[in-house]
Protein backbone atom coordinates (compact mmCIF):
# COMPACT_ATOMS: atom_id res chain seq x y z
CA MET A 1 41.08 -39.03 30.26
CA ASP A 2 38.02 -37.32 31.84
CA GLU A 3 40.03 -36.86 35.11
CA LEU A 4 42.93 -35.07 33.18
CA ILE A 5 40.37 -32.88 31.36
CA GLN A 6 38.79 -31.98 34.68
CA LYS A 7 42.17 -30.98 36.20
CA VAL A 8 43.07 -28.82 33.20
CA VAL A 9 39.63 -27.11 33.24
CA GLU A 10 39.74 -26.58 37.00
CA PHE A 11 43.17 -24.92 36.63
CA ARG A 12 41.83 -22.65 33.89
CA ASP A 13 38.60 -21.95 35.78
CA SER A 14 40.39 -21.05 38.96
CA ARG A 15 42.11 -18.21 37.09
CA ASN A 16 38.98 -17.02 35.30
CA TRP A 17 40.59 -17.76 31.86
CA GLY A 18 37.49 -19.55 30.53
CA GLN A 19 36.25 -16.24 29.20
CA PHE A 20 39.24 -16.37 26.75
CA HIS A 21 38.91 -19.83 25.77
CA ASN A 22 36.56 -20.00 22.80
CA PRO A 23 37.12 -22.57 20.01
CA LYS A 24 38.89 -20.05 17.71
CA ASP A 25 41.30 -18.72 20.24
CA LEU A 26 42.06 -22.26 21.67
CA ALA A 27 42.74 -23.46 18.04
CA ILE A 28 45.10 -20.42 17.55
CA SER A 29 46.87 -21.18 20.96
CA LEU A 30 47.20 -24.85 20.04
CA SER A 31 48.99 -23.79 16.82
CA ILE A 32 51.21 -21.40 18.57
CA GLU A 33 52.30 -24.06 21.14
CA ALA A 34 52.92 -26.55 18.32
CA SER A 35 55.18 -23.99 16.63
CA GLU A 36 56.96 -23.60 19.99
CA LEU A 37 57.42 -27.24 20.18
CA LEU A 38 58.72 -27.33 16.65
CA GLU A 39 61.28 -24.51 17.39
CA ASN A 40 63.10 -26.99 19.58
CA PHE A 41 64.06 -28.98 16.62
CA GLN A 42 65.16 -26.14 14.36
CA TRP A 43 68.75 -26.34 13.03
CA LYS A 44 69.48 -29.77 14.68
CA THR A 45 69.13 -33.37 13.88
CA SER A 46 66.29 -35.04 15.75
CA ASP A 47 68.74 -36.80 18.25
CA GLU A 48 70.61 -33.46 18.79
CA SER A 49 67.25 -31.70 19.56
CA VAL A 50 66.05 -34.29 21.95
CA THR A 51 69.42 -34.40 23.90
CA ALA A 52 69.71 -30.65 24.12
CA ASN A 53 66.06 -29.64 24.55
CA PHE A 54 64.28 -32.61 26.22
CA ASP A 55 62.88 -30.63 29.09
CA ARG A 56 61.57 -27.75 26.87
CA ILE A 57 60.07 -30.34 24.38
CA GLN A 58 58.24 -31.96 27.25
CA ASP A 59 56.88 -28.65 28.36
CA GLU A 60 55.84 -27.63 24.92
CA LEU A 61 54.23 -30.98 24.20
CA ALA A 62 52.24 -30.51 27.42
CA ASP A 63 51.09 -27.20 26.39
CA VAL A 64 49.92 -28.59 23.03
CA LEU A 65 48.06 -31.31 24.81
CA ILE A 66 46.48 -28.95 27.29
CA TYR A 67 45.14 -26.67 24.62
CA ALA A 68 43.96 -29.80 22.66
CA LEU A 69 41.97 -31.04 25.73
CA LEU A 70 40.60 -27.63 26.44
CA LEU A 71 39.45 -27.35 22.79
CA SER A 72 37.87 -30.87 22.99
CA ASN A 73 36.10 -29.90 26.15
CA GLU A 74 34.69 -26.71 24.64
CA LEU A 75 33.34 -28.54 21.59
CA ASN A 76 32.10 -31.54 23.61
CA ILE A 77 34.33 -33.88 21.65
CA ASN A 78 35.42 -37.07 23.52
CA PRO A 79 39.18 -37.07 22.73
CA GLN A 80 39.46 -40.89 23.13
CA GLN A 81 36.50 -41.53 20.86
CA ALA A 82 37.83 -38.94 18.29
CA ILE A 83 41.13 -40.66 18.10
CA ILE A 84 39.62 -44.14 17.81
CA GLU A 85 37.38 -42.91 15.07
CA LYS A 86 40.32 -41.17 13.26
CA MET A 87 42.47 -44.29 13.50
CA LYS A 88 39.71 -46.26 11.67
CA LYS A 89 39.71 -43.60 8.93
CA ASN A 90 43.44 -43.63 8.70
CA GLY A 91 43.37 -47.44 8.47
CA GLU A 92 41.22 -47.18 5.36
CA LYS A 93 43.36 -44.53 3.82
CA TYR A 94 46.63 -46.27 4.71
CA PRO A 95 45.98 -50.05 4.42
CA VAL A 96 48.96 -51.98 5.72
CA GLU A 97 49.62 -53.81 2.55
CA LYS A 98 50.03 -50.50 0.61
CA ALA A 99 51.46 -48.25 3.36
CA TYR A 100 53.86 -50.61 5.30
CA GLY A 101 57.30 -48.93 5.21
CA SER A 102 56.14 -46.07 2.90
CA ASN A 103 56.19 -42.41 3.63
CA LYS A 104 53.91 -41.69 0.76
CA LYS A 105 50.57 -39.84 1.33
CA TYR A 106 47.45 -41.92 0.92
CA ASN A 107 46.70 -40.47 -2.50
CA GLU A 108 50.19 -41.65 -3.76
CA LEU A 109 49.92 -45.20 -2.55
């Protein structure tokens, strides 16, 4: 993970874009890229979307991940550790015996 973050930061820094990458603007960019990812699914079934737009979906997902890694770097958040900690919290909110096979939110279980 560290090597990937380093590559993304090096790419950014070699273009002097770091000056634009404050947490607020990175979060905005992350949201915009997530919307661009979502646009690939609009007006189609999931299967149709993936078949028709796989390359664009892959590119937009990469953009989402890049901005997420840049934001984590700016905020000194270890993404691997953050995911592990969040999965623990999710495990408490969604215990298997209540959540298995359910699409309900934790407060509805």
